[in-house]
Amino acid sequence: DVQNTDRQDDRAAERLFSSSVLFYTLDPPDGSLPNIGLGIYSFVFGDLCDSVQSRKISHAIRIKMAFRAKFFKDIWRQFLRDGGYSEQRHFLSRDANEIIDIMVNSLLGLIYIHRDHLECKSPLLPWMHGSESTEHVFGMLRSLITDFSALDVLRMIPKLTIRLQSACKSMDREYGKTASGYSHTYFDSEDAPPDLFSVFPSDEEIRSLIHLAYEEALYLWSQLG
């Protein structure tokens, strides 16, 4: 969406927070000085994405990763306010700031609901609770009819269903492609540990994890000088 704003590119967003980018910023192959700020930014907010999207980590780790990003963001914002710097110029956008708070609070809320309020204990799959699939549906609708009506949607349901099924079953994972469209990964959980997502931390464990997340956020911020 950066170089070609008419093409959605999920894989470009995924590459931005990959370990390869993180290593490149902290240890540039050309011998230049490491970009500590960009490296920490990539680590913190990449982990925020993983707190929802990862199929291999426990809910306890998700809580710590999500709150570390929230605390880092809040420390950053308070630093700008204390120093009289412009948030509009040196901070995240207002929408991004609010989205992060919503993500963190929603993740914790889902954990409480699955742990305390469901009659039948069910695993929590956080990546299935977002608007990603809805966005993909609207993207496919626009690829069929640019300016569609409600009647058009009803008529396109059979064709849309087939295209979505095909996209979700596709094994095409060439992340090097550019402007390659949507990446339908919400049903990808083959390597997920079977019982991991039915284990929920206690209130005391959650408090400890949030405290640890704050300490880690403070440490990371201190590394920025």
C-alpha atoms as a PDB file:
ATOM      1  CA  ASP A   1       0.000   0.000   0.000  1.00  0.00           C
ATOM      2  CA  VAL A   2       3.003   2.327   0.193  1.00  0.00           C
ATOM      3  CA  GLN A   3       4.403   2.337  -3.337  1.00  0.00           C
ATOM      4  CA  ASN A   4       1.242   1.271  -5.128  1.00  0.00           C
ATOM      5  CA  THR A   5      -1.777   2.498  -3.218  1.00  0.00           C
ATOM      6  CA  ASP A   6      -4.201   0.636  -5.481  1.00  0.00           C
ATOM      7  CA  ARG A   7      -2.875  -2.768  -4.397  1.00  0.00           C
ATOM      8  CA  GLN A   8      -3.257  -4.372  -0.973  1.00  0.00           C
ATOM      9  CA  ASP A   9      -0.074  -6.114   0.157  1.00  0.00           C
ATOM     10  CA  ASP A  10      -0.447  -8.090   3.390  1.00  0.00           C
ATOM     11  CA  ARG A  11       2.910  -9.792   2.946  1.00  0.00           C
ATOM     12  CA  ALA A  12       4.785  -6.468   2.835  1.00  0.00           C
ATOM     13  CA  ALA A  13       3.347  -5.619   6.249  1.00  0.00           C
ATOM     14  CA  GLU A  14       4.384  -9.039   7.560  1.00  0.00           C
ATOM     15  CA  ARG A  15       7.927  -8.602   6.233  1.00  0.00           C
ATOM     16  CA  LEU A  16       8.251  -5.238   7.998  1.00  0.00           C
ATOM     17  CA  PHE A  17       8.227  -6.959  11.393  1.00  0.00           C
ATOM     18  CA  SER A  18      10.193 -10.055  10.388  1.00  0.00           C
ATOM     19  CA  SER A  19      13.371 -11.159  12.148  1.00  0.00           C
ATOM     20  CA  SER A  20      15.345 -10.380   8.981  1.00  0.00           C
ATOM     21  CA  VAL A  21      14.375  -6.707   9.121  1.00  0.00           C
ATOM     22  CA  LEU A  22      15.146  -6.598  12.839  1.00  0.00           C
ATOM     23  CA  PHE A  23      18.621  -8.077  12.314  1.00  0.00           C
ATOM     24  CA  TYR A  24      19.243  -5.700   9.402  1.00  0.00           C
ATOM     25  CA  THR A  25      18.457  -2.612  11.510  1.00  0.00           C
ATOM     26  CA  LEU A  26      20.611  -3.737  14.437  1.00  0.00           C
ATOM     27  CA  ASP A  27      23.515  -5.173  12.415  1.00  0.00           C
ATOM     28  CA  PRO A  28      23.576  -3.547   8.944  1.00  0.00           C
ATOM     29  CA  PRO A  29      25.530  -5.660   6.440  1.00  0.00           C
ATOM     30  CA  ASP A  30      27.189  -2.566   4.968  1.00  0.00           C
ATOM     31  CA  GLY A  31      28.933  -1.803   8.276  1.00  0.00           C
ATOM     32  CA  SER A  32      26.937   1.347   9.012  1.00  0.00           C
ATOM     33  CA  LEU A  33      25.784   2.207  12.521  1.00  0.00           C
ATOM     34  CA  PRO A  34      22.846   0.197  13.846  1.00  0.00           C
ATOM     35  CA  ASN A  35      19.473   1.908  13.988  1.00  0.00           C
ATOM     36  CA  ILE A  36      18.555   1.148  17.593  1.00  0.00           C
ATOM     37  CA  GLY A  37      15.322   3.140  17.499  1.00  0.00           C
ATOM     38  CA  LEU A  38      13.965   1.386  14.437  1.00  0.00           C
ATOM     39  CA  GLY A  39      15.066  -1.987  15.789  1.00  0.00           C
ATOM     40  CA  ILE A  40      13.244  -1.502  19.084  1.00  0.00           C
ATOM     41  CA  TYR A  41      10.173  -0.162  17.267  1.00  0.00           C
ATOM     42  CA  SER A  42      10.150  -3.231  15.007  1.00  0.00           C
ATOM     43  CA  PHE A  43      10.568  -5.578  17.965  1.00  0.00           C
ATOM     44  CA  VAL A  44       7.899  -4.006  20.195  1.00  0.00           C
ATOM     45  CA  PHE A  45       5.160  -3.551  17.627  1.00  0.00           C
ATOM     46  CA  GLY A  46       6.012  -6.740  15.770  1.00  0.00           C
ATOM     47  CA  ASP A  47       5.424  -8.588  19.028  1.00  0.00           C
ATOM     48  CA  LEU A  48       2.114  -6.742  19.378  1.00  0.00           C
ATOM     49  CA  CYS A  49       1.011  -8.251  16.060  1.00  0.00           C
ATOM     50  CA  ASP A  50       2.276 -11.667  17.142  1.00  0.00           C
ATOM     51  CA  SER A  51       0.270 -11.429  20.369  1.00  0.00           C
ATOM     52  CA  VAL A  52      -2.818 -11.856  18.193  1.00  0.00           C
ATOM     53  CA  GLN A  53      -1.535 -13.709  15.142  1.00  0.00           C
ATOM     54  CA  SER A  54       0.903 -16.275  16.551  1.00  0.00           C
ATOM     55  CA  ARG A  55      -0.194 -19.918  16.596  1.00  0.00           C
ATOM     56  CA  LYS A  56       2.648 -21.088  18.852  1.00  0.00           C
ATOM     57  CA  ILE A  57       2.658 -18.991  22.038  1.00  0.00           C
ATOM     58  CA  SER A  58       0.643 -19.240  25.239  1.00  0.00           C
ATOM     59  CA  HIS A  59      -1.956 -16.706  26.308  1.00  0.00           C
ATOM     60  CA  ALA A  60       0.342 -15.628  29.135  1.00  0.00           C
ATOM     61  CA  ILE A  61       3.038 -14.651  26.638  1.00  0.00           C
ATOM     62  CA  ARG A  62       0.401 -12.862  24.526  1.00  0.00           C
ATOM     63  CA  ILE A  63      -0.558 -10.698  27.505  1.00  0.00           C
ATOM     64  CA  LYS A  64       3.043  -9.701  28.181  1.00  0.00           C
ATOM     65  CA  MET A  65       3.761  -8.893  24.532  1.00  0.00           C
ATOM     66  CA  ALA A  66       0.600  -6.825  24.129  1.00  0.00           C
ATOM     67  CA  PHE A  67       1.008  -4.811  27.320  1.00  0.00           C
ATOM     68  CA  ARG A  68       4.699  -4.209  26.630  1.00  0.00           C
ATOM     69  CA  ALA A  69       3.707  -2.477  23.397  1.00  0.00           C
ATOM     70  CA  LYS A  70       0.997  -0.464  25.165  1.00  0.00           C
ATOM     71  CA  PHE A  71       3.355   0.679  27.929  1.00  0.00           C
ATOM     72  CA  PHE A  72       6.109   1.501  25.438  1.00  0.00           C
ATOM     73  CA  LYS A  73       3.642   3.607  23.460  1.00  0.00           C
ATOM     74  CA  ASP A  74       2.454   5.400  26.603  1.00  0.00           C
ATOM     75  CA  ILE A  75       6.020   6.094  27.787  1.00  0.00           C
ATOM     76  CA  TRP A  76       6.859   7.462  24.342  1.00  0.00           C
ATOM     77  CA  ARG A  77       3.829   9.747  24.395  1.00  0.00           C
ATOM     78  CA  GLN A  78       4.543  11.012  27.917  1.00  0.00           C
ATOM     79  CA  PHE A  79       8.148  11.749  26.948  1.00  0.00           C
ATOM     80  CA  LEU A  80       6.958  13.936  24.082  1.00  0.00           C
ATOM     81  CA  ARG A  81       4.508  15.783  26.336  1.00  0.00           C
ATOM     82  CA  ASP A  82       7.117  16.380  29.035  1.00  0.00           C
ATOM     83  CA  GLY A  83       9.587  17.686  26.465  1.00  0.00           C
ATOM     84  CA  GLY A  84       7.085  19.862  24.636  1.00  0.00           C
ATOM     85  CA  TYR A  85       7.448  17.954  21.368  1.00  0.00           C
ATOM     86  CA  SER A  86       4.673  17.737  18.807  1.00  0.00           C
ATOM     87  CA  GLU A  87       2.786  14.442  19.004  1.00  0.00           C
ATOM     88  CA  GLN A  88       1.480  15.017  15.496  1.00  0.00           C
ATOM     89  CA  ARG A  89       5.026  14.986  14.167  1.00  0.00           C
ATOM     90  CA  HIS A  90       6.852  12.567  16.487  1.00  0.00           C
ATOM     91  CA  PHE A  91       4.210  10.048  17.576  1.00  0.00           C
ATOM     92  CA  LEU A  92       1.901   7.457  16.122  1.00  0.00           C
ATOM     93  CA  SER A  93      -1.239   8.607  14.379  1.00  0.00           C
ATOM     94  CA  ARG A  94      -4.302   9.106  16.569  1.00  0.00           C
ATOM     95  CA  ASP A  95      -5.977   6.115  14.927  1.00  0.00           C
ATOM     96  CA  ALA A  96      -2.966   3.840  15.497  1.00  0.00           C
ATOM     97  CA  ASN A  97      -2.767   4.917  19.128  1.00  0.00           C
ATOM     98  CA  GLU A  98      -6.428   4.084  19.716  1.00  0.00           C
ATOM     99  CA  ILE A  99      -6.220   0.804  17.790  1.00  0.00           C
ATOM    100  CA  ILE A 100      -3.357  -0.411  19.994  1.00  0.00           C
ATOM    101  CA  ASP A 101      -5.379   0.301  23.150  1.00  0.00           C
ATOM    102  CA  ILE A 102      -8.378  -1.507  21.666  1.00  0.00           C
ATOM    103  CA  MET A 103      -6.221  -4.512  20.681  1.00  0.00           C
ATOM    104  CA  VAL A 104      -4.700  -4.857  24.136  1.00  0.00           C
ATOM    105  CA  ASN A 105      -7.970  -4.425  26.027  1.00  0.00           C
ATOM    106  CA  SER A 106      -9.808  -6.756  23.656  1.00  0.00           C
ATOM    107  CA  LEU A 107      -7.194  -9.498  24.017  1.00  0.00           C
ATOM    108  CA  LEU A 108      -7.394  -9.346  27.802  1.00  0.00           C
ATOM    109  CA  GLY A 109     -11.190  -9.266  27.649  1.00  0.00           C
ATOM    110  CA  LEU A 110     -11.318 -12.345  25.424  1.00  0.00           C
ATOM    111  CA  ILE A 111      -9.073 -14.210  27.841  1.00  0.00           C
ATOM    112  CA  TYR A 112     -11.338 -13.334  30.782  1.00  0.00           C
ATOM    113  CA  ILE A 113     -14.461 -14.325  28.842  1.00  0.00           C
ATOM    114  CA  HIS A 114     -13.067 -17.695  27.755  1.00  0.00           C
ATOM    115  CA  ARG A 115     -11.678 -18.389  31.219  1.00  0.00           C
ATOM    116  CA  ASP A 116     -14.588 -17.277  33.412  1.00  0.00           C
ATOM    117  CA  HIS A 117     -17.820 -16.872  31.467  1.00  0.00           C
ATOM    118  CA  LEU A 118     -18.247 -19.666  28.925  1.00  0.00           C
ATOM    119  CA  GLU A 119     -20.304 -22.678  30.002  1.00  0.00           C
ATOM    120  CA  CYS A 120     -18.100 -25.023  27.992  1.00  0.00           C
ATOM    121  CA  LYS A 121     -14.358 -24.427  28.205  1.00  0.00           C
ATOM    122  CA  SER A 122     -13.302 -23.489  24.698  1.00  0.00           C
ATOM    123  CA  PRO A 123      -9.897 -22.646  23.255  1.00  0.00           C
ATOM    124  CA  LEU A 124      -9.273 -19.000  22.459  1.00  0.00           C
ATOM    125  CA  LEU A 125      -7.949 -18.361  18.941  1.00  0.00           C
ATOM    126  CA  PRO A 126      -7.306 -14.588  18.966  1.00  0.00           C
ATOM    127  CA  TRP A 127      -6.615 -14.353  15.229  1.00  0.00           C
ATOM    128  CA  MET A 128     -10.193 -15.458  14.551  1.00  0.00           C
ATOM    129  CA  HIS A 129     -11.686 -12.497  16.434  1.00  0.00           C
ATOM    130  CA  GLY A 130     -10.529  -9.622  14.250  1.00  0.00           C
ATOM    131  CA  SER A 131     -11.949  -7.858  11.214  1.00  0.00           C
ATOM    132  CA  GLU A 132      -9.313  -9.339   8.873  1.00  0.00           C
ATOM    133  CA  SER A 133     -11.669 -11.788   7.188  1.00  0.00           C
ATOM    134  CA  THR A 134     -14.325  -9.103   6.723  1.00  0.00           C
ATOM    135  CA  GLU A 135     -11.785  -6.818   5.090  1.00  0.00           C
ATOM    136  CA  HIS A 136     -10.770  -9.618   2.753  1.00  0.00           C
ATOM    137  CA  VAL A 137     -14.391 -10.255   1.803  1.00  0.00           C
ATOM    138  CA  PHE A 138     -14.907  -6.597   0.889  1.00  0.00           C
ATOM    139  CA  GLY A 139     -11.628  -6.620  -1.041  1.00  0.00           C
ATOM    140  CA  MET A 140     -12.815  -9.568  -3.127  1.00  0.00           C
ATOM    141  CA  LEU A 141     -16.172  -7.909  -3.675  1.00  0.00           C
ATOM    142  CA  ARG A 142     -14.437  -4.804  -5.007  1.00  0.00           C
ATOM    143  CA  SER A 143     -12.332  -6.945  -7.328  1.00  0.00           C
ATOM    144  CA  LEU A 144     -15.569  -8.249  -8.873  1.00  0.00           C
ATOM    145  CA  ILE A 145     -17.572  -4.996  -8.876  1.00  0.00           C
ATOM    146  CA  THR A 146     -15.844  -1.759  -7.924  1.00  0.00           C
ATOM    147  CA  ASP A 147     -18.966   0.039  -6.713  1.00  0.00           C
ATOM    148  CA  PHE A 148     -21.334  -2.691  -5.541  1.00  0.00           C
ATOM    149  CA  SER A 149     -24.770  -2.514  -3.954  1.00  0.00           C
ATOM    150  CA  ALA A 150     -26.412  -4.803  -1.382  1.00  0.00           C
ATOM    151  CA  LEU A 151     -28.197  -6.589  -4.231  1.00  0.00           C
ATOM    152  CA  ASP A 152     -24.859  -7.133  -6.001  1.00  0.00           C
ATOM    153  CA  VAL A 153     -23.479  -8.731  -2.832  1.00  0.00           C
ATOM    154  CA  LEU A 154     -26.381 -11.192  -2.660  1.00  0.00           C
ATOM    155  CA  ARG A 155     -25.893 -12.140  -6.292  1.00  0.00           C
ATOM    156  CA  MET A 156     -22.136 -12.606  -5.852  1.00  0.00           C
ATOM    157  CA  ILE A 157     -22.333 -14.892  -2.799  1.00  0.00           C
ATOM    158  CA  PRO A 158     -21.852 -18.181  -4.759  1.00  0.00           C
ATOM    159  CA  LYS A 159     -18.860 -16.849  -6.699  1.00  0.00           C
ATOM    160  CA  LEU A 160     -17.456 -15.150  -3.595  1.00  0.00           C
ATOM    161  CA  THR A 161     -17.744 -18.357  -1.572  1.00  0.00           C
ATOM    162  CA  ILE A 162     -15.756 -20.331  -4.138  1.00  0.00           C
ATOM    163  CA  ARG A 163     -13.042 -17.686  -4.394  1.00  0.00           C
ATOM    164  CA  LEU A 164     -12.676 -17.449  -0.618  1.00  0.00           C
ATOM    165  CA  GLN A 165     -12.460 -21.221  -0.231  1.00  0.00           C
ATOM    166  CA  SER A 166      -9.811 -21.352  -2.925  1.00  0.00           C
ATOM    167  CA  ALA A 167      -7.817 -18.499  -1.345  1.00  0.00           C
ATOM    168  CA  CYS A 168      -7.915 -20.057   2.128  1.00  0.00           C
ATOM    169  CA  LYS A 169      -6.779 -23.463   0.813  1.00  0.00           C
ATOM    170  CA  SER A 170      -4.016 -22.008  -1.333  1.00  0.00           C
ATOM    171  CA  MET A 171      -0.507 -22.978  -0.266  1.00  0.00           C
ATOM    172  CA  ASP A 172       1.043 -19.979  -2.014  1.00  0.00           C
ATOM    173  CA  ARG A 173       3.283 -18.407   0.619  1.00  0.00           C
ATOM    174  CA  GLU A 174       5.767 -16.505  -1.553  1.00  0.00           C
ATOM    175  CA  TYR A 175       6.394 -13.637   0.831  1.00  0.00           C
ATOM    176  CA  GLY A 176       8.926 -12.020  -1.490  1.00  0.00           C
ATOM    177  CA  LYS A 177       6.240 -10.971  -3.934  1.00  0.00           C
ATOM    178  CA  THR A 178       5.203  -7.326  -3.978  1.00  0.00           C
ATOM    179  CA  ALA A 179       1.660  -5.993  -4.225  1.00  0.00           C
ATOM    180  CA  SER A 180       0.572  -9.613  -3.981  1.00  0.00           C
ATOM    181  CA  GLY A 181      -2.823  -8.933  -2.455  1.00  0.00           C
ATOM    182  CA  TYR A 182      -4.420 -10.378   0.644  1.00  0.00           C
ATOM    183  CA  SER A 183      -2.877 -13.183   2.659  1.00  0.00           C
ATOM    184  CA  HIS A 184      -5.623 -15.531   3.880  1.00  0.00           C
ATOM    185  CA  THR A 185      -4.000 -17.133   6.921  1.00  0.00           C
ATOM    186  CA  TYR A 186      -6.742 -17.169   9.561  1.00  0.00           C
ATOM    187  CA  PHE A 187      -7.336 -20.906   9.103  1.00  0.00           C
ATOM    188  CA  ASP A 188      -3.613 -21.758   9.218  1.00  0.00           C
ATOM    189  CA  SER A 189      -3.068 -23.578  12.513  1.00  0.00           C
ATOM    190  CA  GLU A 190      -1.585 -26.942  11.509  1.00  0.00           C
ATOM    191  CA  ASP A 191       1.499 -26.542  13.703  1.00  0.00           C
ATOM    192  CA  ALA A 192      -0.378 -25.156  16.703  1.00  0.00           C
ATOM    193  CA  PRO A 193      -0.027 -27.166  19.958  1.00  0.00           C
ATOM    194  CA  PRO A 194      -3.454 -28.812  20.472  1.00  0.00           C
ATOM    195  CA  ASP A 195      -4.084 -27.836  24.128  1.00  0.00           C
ATOM    196  CA  LEU A 196      -2.140 -24.579  24.350  1.00  0.00           C
ATOM    197  CA  PHE A 197      -5.065 -22.261  23.686  1.00  0.00           C
ATOM    198  CA  SER A 198      -7.281 -23.756  26.412  1.00  0.00           C
ATOM    199  CA  VAL A 199      -4.856 -22.790  29.195  1.00  0.00           C
ATOM    200  CA  PHE A 200      -5.520 -19.385  30.762  1.00  0.00           C
ATOM    201  CA  PRO A 201      -3.419 -17.533  33.354  1.00  0.00           C
ATOM    202  CA  SER A 202      -4.855 -16.695  36.778  1.00  0.00           C
ATOM    203  CA  ASP A 203      -5.525 -13.120  37.927  1.00  0.00           C
ATOM    204  CA  GLU A 204      -2.301 -13.155  39.953  1.00  0.00           C
ATOM    205  CA  GLU A 205      -0.311 -14.373  36.944  1.00  0.00           C
ATOM    206  CA  ILE A 206      -1.876 -11.673  34.775  1.00  0.00           C
ATOM    207  CA  ARG A 207      -0.890  -8.961  37.268  1.00  0.00           C
ATOM    208  CA  SER A 208       2.682 -10.286  37.336  1.00  0.00           C
ATOM    209  CA  LEU A 209       2.833 -10.427  33.539  1.00  0.00           C
ATOM    210  CA  ILE A 210       1.580  -6.844  33.203  1.00  0.00           C
ATOM    211  CA  HIS A 211       4.155  -5.656  35.751  1.00  0.00           C
ATOM    212  CA  LEU A 212       6.912  -7.494  33.870  1.00  0.00           C
ATOM    213  CA  ALA A 213       5.710  -5.961  30.599  1.00  0.00           C
ATOM    214  CA  TYR A 214       6.016  -2.478  32.141  1.00  0.00           C
ATOM    215  CA  GLU A 215       9.537  -3.182  33.363  1.00  0.00           C
ATOM    216  CA  GLU A 216      10.568  -4.425  29.910  1.00  0.00           C
ATOM    217  CA  ALA A 217       9.026  -1.368  28.235  1.00  0.00           C
ATOM    218  CA  LEU A 218      10.965   0.931  30.598  1.00  0.00           C
ATOM    219  CA  TYR A 219      14.204  -0.925  29.862  1.00  0.00           C
ATOM    220  CA  LEU A 220      13.708  -0.749  26.099  1.00  0.00           C
ATOM    221  CA  TRP A 221      12.941   2.964  26.294  1.00  0.00           C
ATOM    222  CA  SER A 222      16.094   3.539  28.379  1.00  0.00           C
ATOM    223  CA  GLN A 223      18.171   2.023  25.557  1.00  0.00           C
ATOM    224  CA  LEU A 224      17.110   4.872  23.282  1.00  0.00           C
ATOM    225  CA  GLY A 225      19.121   7.381  25.310  1.00  0.00           C
END
